[in-house]
Amino acid sequence: MAAVGCAVGLGNIWMFPYIAGSSGGGAFVLIYLAAVVSLALPVLMAELMIGRRGGASPPESIENVARESGRTPRWRLMGVVLGVVGALMALGFYGVVGGWTMAYSFKLAVGQFQQINALEAKTAYDALNGDAVSLLPWVTVFMAATIFISARGVVDGIEKAVKLMMPALFFMLLAMVVYSGVVGDFARAADFLFNPDFGKVDSKVVLAAFGQAFFSVSVGITNMMAYGSYMNRKTNLPGAAAVVVTADTLVALLAGLMIFPLVFMYGLQPDGGPGLIFQTLPFAFGQVPGGSIFGALFFVLLFFAALTSSIGMLEPPVAFFRDAFGLSRRNAALAAGSIAFLLCTLAALSFNALAGVDPLGMFAAFEGKGFFDLFIYMVTQVLMPLGGILVAVFAGWIVKQQFSREELFGDSNALAYKTWHFAVRFIAPPLLAIVLISEVLKV
C-alpha cells in the first residue's frame, strides 16, 4: 500500500489529464498503456529487486548488490544522485503543488469560487502564487505534514498514513467520477479518452506517453528501491509490481474520467496545460450544483495523492541520512525534510520574489526557467529517464542473473524471468535514451 501511495500522486491526477488533453486523448492513452507495460513495469521490478536484495537505503543497497555480484562499489553514486539529490529536487516542486492543493481545498470549501468566470479563476491562481505571504504558509504546512509522518517511521508513520489515505483517495476518486458523469459530458469525455485517433499521433505524442508512464509510476529516482528494502522474503515482487502499476494506471484513467466531463460540459479546452487543474476546474466547479462541496473534495483528494507521494519521495533521502550518518529516524527525517523545505521555498518564491531569476539561464536548455520549472525539468525530463537507464543497465548487466532471478521468481517461471531480463537489457535503455535525448536536445 505504501508503494502504491508513492506511485499514485500528482503524476496521475495533475499531470496525466493535461498531457493527455494536449496529446490527442485516446491515441495517447493507448500508447501510454503500452509504455507502462513495456517500460515502467520492468524498471519497477528492477528497483524492488535491488532494494530487497540490498536491504538498505538506495545507495547502500546498490553498493551491497554490486559487491555481491563482484562489481565496483562505486555504483552507489547512482543511488546518491538519484535517490538523494533527485528525490529532494522532486520534493522542491511537489511541496509547492501540495500547498496549492491545500489552499484550493480551503477556498472551494468556503465558496470563494462560486459563479466565477474563467478570467477570475486565472486571477485567483495568479494571486495565490504572486504573493509569497499567501503561498508559503500552505507549502510550509504541507512539508511539515510530510516530515512529521516520515519521522514516525515506516510502521507508525507511513504505513498508518497510507492505510487511511489510499482507501480514502480511491473512494473520493470514484465519487468524483460519478459526480462528473452526472453533471458533465461523460460520453464525450469517454470518447476523447478511449477512441484513439491515430492521425494525431506523432513522435512528440509517443515520447510524451513514454515519459508520462515513467513519471506516473514513480520509477527512476529509486523511490521504489527504498520500499523494496522493507519487503520481506515472502512478498512476491512481480505481483507487488503488478499491483502498483495496475492501481497507478487505474487512478490515471479515473482522473481523466473525473476531469474531462466538466471540461467538455463548459466548452473548455482539454489542452489547458499545467493550469488545467488549478485554473480551469475551479471555474467549472463554480458553475455546477454542489460545486463548492465536490470541488473541495476533489482538492482534498489531490492533497492525499500529493502527500502519499511526497512521503515516498522523502524516504530515500531519510534512509540515506540514517545509514550514512548514523542518525535516528526522527533526525534523519528532519535533516532531509529541512533541505527539501529549502528547495520548496526557492520554488515558491520563483513565482513572486524571485520571479525572473533563472539560476542556470546561461545554458540554452534552462533559459527562462525559474526554480520551480527548473526542478520539474531536471527531475521529469533528465533525472528520471537517466535514472531508468542506469537502473535497467545495473539490473540487467551488473547484477548476477542468479541473484535477480532468486529475488523475482525463485526457481519457477523461467520464461517470465527471461522476458523481464530481455526487457531491462534491450528494451528499456534504448527507449529511455530516446526520451532523454529528445527532451534535452528538443529533437
Protein backbone atom coordinates (compact mmCIF):
# COMPACT_ATOMS: atom_id res chain seq x y z
CA MET A 1 0.00 0.00 0.00
CA ALA A 2 2.88 2.36 0.77
CA ALA A 3 4.44 1.61 -2.60
CA VAL A 4 1.09 2.28 -4.30
CA GLY A 5 0.88 5.54 -2.37
CA CYS A 6 4.34 6.52 -3.57
CA ALA A 7 3.40 5.82 -7.20
CA VAL A 8 -0.08 7.34 -7.13
CA GLY A 9 0.30 11.09 -6.94
CA LEU A 10 0.41 14.28 -8.93
CA GLY A 11 1.66 12.40 -11.97
CA ASN A 12 -1.72 10.67 -12.18
CA ILE A 13 -4.23 13.32 -11.16
CA TRP A 14 -2.45 16.58 -12.02
CA MET A 15 -0.12 15.74 -14.91
CA PHE A 16 -1.78 12.83 -16.77
CA PRO A 17 -5.03 14.67 -17.68
CA TYR A 18 -3.36 17.78 -19.08
CA ILE A 19 -0.74 15.80 -21.05
CA ALA A 20 -3.46 13.51 -22.40
CA GLY A 21 -5.51 16.59 -23.25
CA SER A 22 -2.67 18.22 -25.16
CA SER A 23 -1.61 14.97 -26.88
CA GLY A 24 -4.82 13.95 -28.61
CA GLY A 25 -6.62 11.83 -26.00
CA GLY A 26 -7.29 8.22 -26.96
CA ALA A 27 -4.20 7.57 -29.08
CA PHE A 28 -2.00 8.94 -26.31
CA VAL A 29 -3.76 6.78 -23.71
CA LEU A 30 -3.23 3.62 -25.78
CA ILE A 31 0.49 4.33 -26.22
CA TYR A 32 0.72 5.25 -22.53
CA LEU A 33 -0.72 1.85 -21.53
CA ALA A 34 1.79 0.07 -23.79
CA ALA A 35 4.60 2.12 -22.24
CA VAL A 36 3.53 1.23 -18.71
CA VAL A 37 3.77 -2.50 -19.51
CA SER A 38 6.89 -2.46 -21.67
CA LEU A 39 8.91 0.21 -19.87
CA ALA A 40 7.70 1.22 -16.41
CA LEU A 41 6.85 -2.28 -15.12
CA PRO A 42 10.24 -3.92 -15.87
CA VAL A 43 12.14 -1.00 -14.31
CA LEU A 44 9.85 -1.02 -11.28
CA MET A 45 10.56 -4.74 -10.80
CA ALA A 46 14.26 -3.95 -11.07
CA GLU A 47 14.09 -1.28 -8.37
CA LEU A 48 12.16 -3.54 -5.98
CA MET A 49 14.60 -6.38 -6.65
CA ILE A 50 17.70 -4.26 -5.96
CA GLY A 51 16.13 -2.77 -2.83
CA ARG A 52 15.19 -6.09 -1.27
CA ARG A 53 18.47 -7.74 -2.24
CA GLY A 54 20.48 -4.84 -0.81
CA GLY A 55 18.31 -4.38 2.28
CA ALA A 56 19.21 -0.74 2.96
CA SER A 57 18.90 2.80 1.59
CA PRO A 58 19.20 3.05 -2.23
CA PRO A 59 22.94 3.96 -2.25
CA GLU A 60 23.74 1.23 0.29
CA SER A 61 21.52 -1.33 -1.48
CA ILE A 62 23.17 -0.64 -4.82
CA GLU A 63 26.63 -0.95 -3.25
CA ASN A 64 25.71 -4.18 -1.45
CA VAL A 65 24.34 -5.79 -4.59
CA ALA A 66 27.30 -4.61 -6.69
CA ARG A 67 29.78 -6.09 -4.21
CA GLU A 68 27.83 -9.34 -4.07
CA SER A 69 27.95 -9.50 -7.87
CA GLY A 70 31.71 -8.89 -7.89
CA ARG A 71 31.44 -5.34 -9.30
CA THR A 72 32.75 -1.98 -8.17
CA PRO A 73 31.00 -0.43 -5.16
CA ARG A 74 31.16 2.95 -6.93
CA TRP A 75 27.76 2.15 -8.35
CA ARG A 76 26.46 3.57 -5.05
CA LEU A 77 26.95 7.03 -6.57
CA MET A 78 23.93 6.26 -8.74
CA GLY A 79 21.86 5.93 -5.58
CA VAL A 80 23.21 9.18 -4.14
CA VAL A 81 22.49 11.21 -7.28
CA LEU A 82 19.06 9.69 -7.93
CA GLY A 83 17.79 8.70 -4.50
CA VAL A 84 19.06 11.70 -2.58
CA VAL A 85 19.64 14.64 -4.93
CA GLY A 86 16.87 13.67 -7.35
CA ALA A 87 14.29 12.93 -4.67
CA LEU A 88 14.98 16.18 -2.78
CA MET A 89 14.75 18.16 -6.01
CA ALA A 90 11.44 16.44 -6.81
CA LEU A 91 10.15 17.49 -3.40
CA GLY A 92 11.14 21.03 -4.33
CA PHE A 93 8.23 21.31 -6.77
CA TYR A 94 6.00 18.67 -5.19
CA GLY A 95 5.80 20.68 -1.99
CA VAL A 96 4.57 23.75 -3.87
CA VAL A 97 1.85 21.86 -5.73
CA GLY A 98 0.92 20.16 -2.45
CA GLY A 99 0.49 23.64 -0.96
CA TRP A 100 -1.76 24.57 -3.88
CA THR A 101 -3.99 21.56 -3.17
CA MET A 102 -4.44 22.64 0.45
CA ALA A 103 -5.14 26.26 -0.48
CA TYR A 104 -7.73 25.28 -3.09
CA SER A 105 -9.43 22.82 -0.74
CA PHE A 106 -9.99 25.70 1.67
CA LYS A 107 -11.01 28.23 -1.00
CA LEU A 108 -13.61 25.93 -2.51
CA ALA A 109 -14.94 24.80 0.88
CA VAL A 110 -15.70 28.42 1.85
CA GLY A 111 -17.29 29.15 -1.53
CA GLN A 112 -14.69 31.53 -2.97
CA PHE A 113 -15.16 30.15 -6.49
CA GLN A 114 -18.95 30.23 -6.72
CA GLN A 115 -20.18 31.64 -10.03
CA ILE A 116 -16.76 32.95 -11.07
CA ASN A 117 -15.76 33.20 -14.71
CA ALA A 118 -12.65 31.75 -16.35
CA LEU A 119 -10.72 35.02 -16.07
CA GLU A 120 -11.47 35.28 -12.34
CA ALA A 121 -10.29 31.69 -11.84
CA LYS A 122 -6.99 32.51 -13.52
CA THR A 123 -6.69 35.71 -11.50
CA ALA A 124 -7.16 33.75 -8.25
CA TYR A 125 -4.43 31.31 -9.29
CA ASP A 126 -2.05 34.14 -10.14
CA ALA A 127 -2.87 35.96 -6.89
CA LEU A 128 -2.03 32.90 -4.77
CA ASN A 129 1.32 32.43 -6.48
CA GLY A 130 2.13 36.10 -6.84
CA ASP A 131 2.22 36.73 -3.09
CA ALA A 132 4.81 34.85 -1.04
CA VAL A 133 2.90 35.59 2.16
CA SER A 134 -0.16 33.81 0.71
CA LEU A 135 1.67 30.82 -0.76
CA LEU A 136 4.45 29.94 1.70
CA PRO A 137 2.21 29.09 4.70
CA TRP A 138 0.42 26.41 2.65
CA VAL A 139 3.73 24.99 1.40
CA THR A 140 5.07 25.01 4.97
CA VAL A 141 2.09 23.07 6.35
CA PHE A 142 2.29 20.52 3.54
CA MET A 143 6.00 19.89 4.08
CA ALA A 144 5.55 19.79 7.86
CA ALA A 145 2.96 17.03 7.42
CA THR A 146 5.35 15.11 5.15
CA ILE A 147 8.23 15.36 7.64
CA PHE A 148 6.03 14.51 10.65
CA ILE A 149 4.69 11.31 9.07
CA SER A 150 8.13 10.26 7.83
CA ALA A 151 9.71 10.89 11.24
CA ARG A 152 7.29 8.46 12.87
CA GLY A 153 8.78 5.63 10.83
CA VAL A 154 7.65 3.10 8.28
CA VAL A 155 5.15 1.30 10.53
CA ASP A 156 3.86 4.03 12.85
CA GLY A 157 4.08 6.83 10.29
CA ILE A 158 4.00 5.83 6.62
CA GLU A 159 2.02 2.59 6.99
CA LYS A 160 -0.69 4.13 9.16
CA ALA A 161 -0.94 7.19 6.93
CA VAL A 162 -1.34 5.28 3.67
CA LYS A 163 -3.76 2.78 5.21
CA LEU A 164 -6.03 5.75 5.85
CA MET A 165 -5.31 7.94 2.84
CA MET A 166 -5.14 5.44 -0.03
CA PRO A 167 -8.60 3.86 0.51
CA ALA A 168 -9.98 7.38 1.09
CA LEU A 169 -8.35 8.56 -2.14
CA PHE A 170 -9.90 5.73 -4.18
CA PHE A 171 -13.31 6.29 -2.59
CA MET A 172 -13.22 10.03 -3.28
CA LEU A 173 -11.97 9.45 -6.80
CA LEU A 174 -14.86 7.10 -7.60
CA ALA A 175 -17.33 9.54 -6.04
CA MET A 176 -15.93 12.35 -8.18
CA VAL A 177 -16.15 10.24 -11.35
CA VAL A 178 -19.84 9.55 -10.62
CA TYR A 179 -20.44 13.23 -9.89
CA SER A 180 -18.70 14.37 -13.09
CA GLY A 181 -20.60 11.75 -15.06
CA VAL A 182 -23.92 13.08 -13.76
CA VAL A 183 -23.35 16.83 -14.14
CA GLY A 184 -20.83 16.80 -17.02
CA ASP A 185 -20.48 15.48 -20.57
CA PHE A 186 -19.34 11.95 -19.70
CA ALA A 187 -19.96 10.47 -23.16
CA ARG A 188 -17.70 12.97 -24.86
CA ALA A 189 -15.02 12.52 -22.21
CA ALA A 190 -15.06 8.73 -22.64
CA ASP A 191 -14.89 9.12 -26.41
CA PHE A 192 -11.96 11.53 -26.08
CA LEU A 193 -10.01 9.17 -23.79
CA PHE A 194 -10.79 5.77 -25.29
CA ASN A 195 -11.46 6.34 -29.00
CA PRO A 196 -7.97 6.68 -30.50
CA ASP A 197 -7.40 8.96 -33.46
CA PHE A 198 -4.05 7.80 -34.80
CA GLY A 199 -3.99 10.74 -37.19
CA LYS A 200 -2.96 12.82 -34.16
CA VAL A 201 -0.01 10.59 -33.32
CA ASP A 202 3.46 11.93 -34.00
CA SER A 203 6.85 11.49 -32.38
CA LYS A 204 6.03 14.07 -29.70
CA VAL A 205 2.90 12.18 -28.63
CA VAL A 206 4.79 8.89 -28.42
CA LEU A 207 7.62 10.43 -26.40
CA ALA A 208 5.14 12.20 -24.13
CA ALA A 209 3.34 8.90 -23.46
CA PHE A 210 6.55 7.07 -22.60
CA GLY A 211 7.82 9.89 -20.41
CA GLN A 212 4.49 10.17 -18.59
CA ALA A 213 4.30 6.41 -17.99
CA PHE A 214 7.68 6.52 -16.33
CA PHE A 215 6.95 9.57 -14.19
CA SER A 216 3.48 8.36 -13.22
CA VAL A 217 4.74 5.05 -11.81
CA SER A 218 7.45 6.97 -9.92
CA VAL A 219 10.47 5.00 -11.02
CA GLY A 220 13.88 6.32 -11.96
CA ILE A 221 14.85 8.14 -8.75
CA THR A 222 14.94 4.96 -6.61
CA ASN A 223 11.82 5.66 -4.50
CA MET A 224 10.70 2.10 -5.07
CA MET A 225 14.15 0.77 -4.23
CA ALA A 226 13.68 2.19 -0.73
CA TYR A 227 10.32 0.42 -0.37
CA GLY A 228 11.78 -2.78 -1.80
CA SER A 229 14.28 -2.84 1.08
CA TYR A 230 11.38 -3.13 3.56
CA MET A 231 9.66 -6.04 1.76
CA ASN A 232 10.07 -9.42 3.41
CA ARG A 233 11.16 -12.60 1.64
CA LYS A 234 7.60 -13.88 1.34
CA THR A 235 6.47 -10.92 -0.76
CA ASN A 236 6.09 -11.79 -4.43
CA LEU A 237 7.92 -8.89 -6.12
CA PRO A 238 6.46 -9.29 -9.64
CA GLY A 239 2.99 -9.48 -8.07
CA ALA A 240 3.66 -6.40 -5.95
CA ALA A 241 4.93 -4.52 -9.01
CA ALA A 242 1.84 -5.53 -10.98
CA VAL A 243 -0.44 -4.27 -8.19
CA VAL A 244 1.39 -0.93 -8.08
CA VAL A 245 1.25 -0.46 -11.85
CA THR A 246 -2.40 -1.52 -12.08
CA ALA A 247 -3.51 0.80 -9.28
CA ASP A 248 -1.45 3.65 -10.69
CA THR A 249 -2.88 3.26 -14.20
CA LEU A 250 -6.43 2.93 -12.89
CA VAL A 251 -6.10 6.19 -10.95
CA ALA A 252 -4.75 8.00 -14.03
CA LEU A 253 -7.68 6.83 -16.19
CA LEU A 254 -10.23 7.63 -13.48
CA ALA A 255 -8.69 11.09 -13.14
CA GLY A 256 -9.33 11.64 -16.83
CA LEU A 257 -12.94 10.47 -16.46
CA MET A 258 -13.33 12.81 -13.49
CA ILE A 259 -11.88 15.93 -15.11
CA PHE A 260 -12.81 15.86 -18.80
CA PRO A 261 -16.63 15.63 -18.40
CA LEU A 262 -16.51 19.01 -16.63
CA VAL A 263 -14.08 20.43 -19.17
CA PHE A 264 -16.28 19.48 -22.12
CA MET A 265 -19.51 20.44 -20.36
CA TYR A 266 -18.45 24.09 -20.32
CA GLY A 267 -16.73 24.19 -23.67
CA LEU A 268 -13.27 24.44 -22.12
CA GLN A 269 -10.13 23.24 -23.85
CA PRO A 270 -8.69 19.85 -22.80
CA ASP A 271 -5.18 21.06 -23.65
CA GLY A 272 -5.17 23.58 -20.82
CA GLY A 273 -1.65 22.59 -19.74
CA PRO A 274 -0.48 22.57 -16.11
CA GLY A 275 -3.18 25.09 -15.21
CA LEU A 276 -5.97 22.69 -16.22
CA ILE A 277 -6.46 21.62 -12.60
CA PHE A 278 -5.91 24.92 -10.81
CA GLN A 279 -7.45 27.35 -13.30
CA THR A 280 -9.96 25.50 -15.46
CA LEU A 281 -11.55 23.21 -12.88
CA PRO A 282 -12.29 25.85 -10.20
CA PHE A 283 -14.29 27.72 -12.84
CA ALA A 284 -16.17 24.52 -13.76
CA PHE A 285 -16.88 23.66 -10.12
CA GLY A 286 -18.18 27.18 -9.60
CA GLN A 287 -20.90 26.62 -12.18
CA VAL A 288 -22.37 23.24 -11.19
CA PRO A 289 -24.72 22.28 -8.36
CA GLY A 290 -22.80 21.33 -5.23
CA GLY A 291 -19.62 22.54 -6.90
CA SER A 292 -18.15 24.02 -3.73
CA ILE A 293 -18.50 20.73 -1.84
CA PHE A 294 -17.32 18.47 -4.63
CA GLY A 295 -14.60 20.92 -5.65
CA ALA A 296 -13.24 20.91 -2.12
CA LEU A 297 -13.48 17.10 -2.11
CA PHE A 298 -11.51 16.97 -5.36
CA PHE A 299 -8.66 19.06 -3.99
CA VAL A 300 -8.61 17.08 -0.73
CA LEU A 301 -8.24 14.01 -2.95
CA LEU A 302 -5.39 15.69 -4.81
CA PHE A 303 -3.82 16.62 -1.46
CA PHE A 304 -3.90 12.98 -0.34
CA ALA A 305 -2.29 11.90 -3.62
CA ALA A 306 0.42 14.55 -3.27
CA LEU A 307 1.11 13.74 0.39
CA THR A 308 1.46 9.98 -0.08
CA SER A 309 3.90 10.58 -2.94
CA SER A 310 5.88 13.24 -1.06
CA ILE A 311 6.29 10.80 1.85
CA GLY A 312 7.58 8.24 -0.65
CA MET A 313 9.99 10.72 -2.18
CA LEU A 314 11.38 11.68 1.22
CA GLU A 315 12.05 8.04 2.12
CA PRO A 316 15.26 7.51 0.06
CA PRO A 317 17.00 10.62 1.49
CA VAL A 318 15.84 9.70 5.02
CA ALA A 319 17.18 6.16 4.64
CA PHE A 320 20.46 7.55 3.28
CA PHE A 321 20.92 10.04 6.14
CA ARG A 322 20.14 7.29 8.63
CA ASP A 323 22.54 4.73 7.13
CA ALA A 324 25.36 7.08 6.12
CA PHE A 325 25.48 9.26 9.23
CA GLY A 326 24.00 7.02 11.90
CA LEU A 327 21.11 9.40 12.59
CA SER A 328 17.91 8.35 14.30
CA ARG A 329 14.81 8.08 12.14
CA ARG A 330 13.47 11.35 13.56
CA ASN A 331 16.68 13.31 13.00
CA ALA A 332 17.16 11.86 9.51
CA ALA A 333 13.61 12.97 8.58
CA LEU A 334 14.25 16.44 9.99
CA ALA A 335 17.57 16.77 8.15
CA ALA A 336 16.29 15.57 4.78
CA GLY A 337 13.00 17.41 5.23
CA SER A 338 14.75 20.68 6.03
CA ILE A 339 16.72 20.51 2.78
CA ALA A 340 13.54 19.69 0.86
CA PHE A 341 11.74 22.61 2.51
CA LEU A 342 14.54 24.98 1.49
CA LEU A 343 14.14 23.86 -2.12
CA CYS A 344 10.35 24.24 -1.82
CA THR A 345 10.84 27.79 -0.59
CA LEU A 346 13.00 28.64 -3.61
CA ALA A 347 10.40 27.10 -5.92
CA ALA A 348 7.55 29.03 -4.25
CA LEU A 349 9.50 32.30 -4.41
CA SER A 350 10.13 31.78 -8.13
CA PHE A 351 6.51 32.89 -8.69
CA ASN A 352 6.95 36.16 -6.79
CA ALA A 353 10.07 37.48 -5.03
CA LEU A 354 12.42 35.51 -7.32
CA ALA A 355 10.31 35.87 -10.48
CA GLY A 356 12.58 36.34 -13.47
CA VAL A 357 15.54 34.65 -11.77
CA ASP A 358 16.72 31.68 -13.85
CA PRO A 359 19.69 30.21 -11.96
CA LEU A 360 21.00 28.18 -14.91
CA GLY A 361 19.95 30.63 -17.60
CA MET A 362 23.46 30.71 -19.05
CA PHE A 363 22.65 27.34 -20.63
CA ALA A 364 20.14 27.34 -23.50
CA ALA A 365 18.19 24.34 -22.19
CA PHE A 366 17.50 26.14 -18.88
CA GLU A 367 16.90 29.63 -20.19
CA GLY A 368 13.80 31.24 -18.70
CA LYS A 369 13.33 28.50 -16.09
CA GLY A 370 12.90 29.68 -12.51
CA PHE A 371 13.48 27.29 -9.62
CA PHE A 372 10.01 25.67 -9.89
CA ASP A 373 10.27 24.98 -13.63
CA LEU A 374 13.92 24.01 -13.27
CA PHE A 375 13.15 21.36 -10.64
CA ILE A 376 10.35 19.89 -12.78
CA TYR A 377 12.56 19.82 -15.86
CA MET A 378 15.55 18.27 -14.10
CA VAL A 379 13.50 15.56 -12.36
CA THR A 380 10.96 14.55 -15.01
CA GLN A 381 12.96 15.12 -18.18
CA VAL A 382 16.54 14.45 -17.12
CA LEU A 383 17.00 12.50 -13.88
CA MET A 384 14.07 10.08 -14.22
CA PRO A 385 14.89 8.80 -17.73
CA LEU A 386 18.63 8.85 -16.92
CA GLY A 387 17.92 7.00 -13.68
CA GLY A 388 15.78 4.49 -15.52
CA ILE A 389 18.63 3.79 -17.92
CA LEU A 390 21.10 3.32 -15.06
CA VAL A 391 18.74 1.10 -13.03
CA ALA A 392 17.98 -1.06 -16.09
CA VAL A 393 21.67 -1.40 -17.01
CA PHE A 394 22.59 -2.21 -13.41
CA ALA A 395 19.82 -4.80 -13.04
CA GLY A 396 20.32 -6.34 -16.48
CA TRP A 397 24.09 -6.28 -16.90
CA ILE A 398 25.73 -5.80 -13.47
CA VAL A 399 23.63 -7.86 -11.06
CA LYS A 400 24.31 -11.58 -11.37
CA GLN A 401 21.41 -13.36 -13.03
CA GLN A 402 21.33 -15.85 -10.17
CA PHE A 403 20.56 -13.07 -7.70
CA SER A 404 17.94 -11.23 -9.74
CA ARG A 405 16.18 -14.48 -10.57
CA GLU A 406 16.15 -15.56 -6.91
CA GLU A 407 14.57 -12.26 -5.86
CA LEU A 408 11.98 -12.09 -8.62
CA PHE A 409 10.95 -15.62 -9.49
CA GLY A 410 12.83 -18.10 -7.32
CA ASP A 411 13.13 -21.42 -9.11
CA SER A 412 9.99 -21.01 -11.22
CA ASN A 413 8.78 -19.01 -14.23
CA ALA A 414 11.92 -19.28 -16.34
CA LEU A 415 10.14 -17.72 -19.32
CA ALA A 416 8.88 -14.79 -17.24
CA TYR A 417 12.39 -14.13 -15.95
CA LYS A 418 13.90 -14.27 -19.44
CA THR A 419 11.24 -11.85 -20.67
CA TRP A 420 11.96 -9.39 -17.85
CA HIS A 421 15.72 -9.76 -18.27
CA PHE A 422 15.46 -9.06 -22.01
CA ALA A 423 13.29 -6.01 -21.35
CA VAL A 424 15.69 -4.39 -18.86
CA ARG A 425 18.66 -5.17 -21.07
CA PHE A 426 17.47 -4.35 -24.57
CA ILE A 427 14.12 -2.51 -24.45
CA ALA A 428 14.14 -0.08 -21.52
CA PRO A 429 17.61 1.51 -22.00
CA PRO A 430 17.23 2.49 -25.70
CA LEU A 431 13.64 3.70 -25.26
CA LEU A 432 14.60 5.83 -22.26
CA ALA A 433 17.68 7.10 -24.09
CA ILE A 434 15.42 8.34 -26.90
CA VAL A 435 13.15 10.08 -24.38
CA LEU A 436 16.13 11.65 -22.61
CA ILE A 437 17.86 12.86 -25.78
CA SER A 438 14.65 14.22 -27.26
CA GLU A 439 13.89 16.21 -24.13
CA VAL A 440 17.38 17.55 -23.52
CA LEU A 441 18.11 18.41 -27.13
CA LYS A 442 14.47 19.13 -28.06
CA VAL A 443 14.80 16.91 -31.14
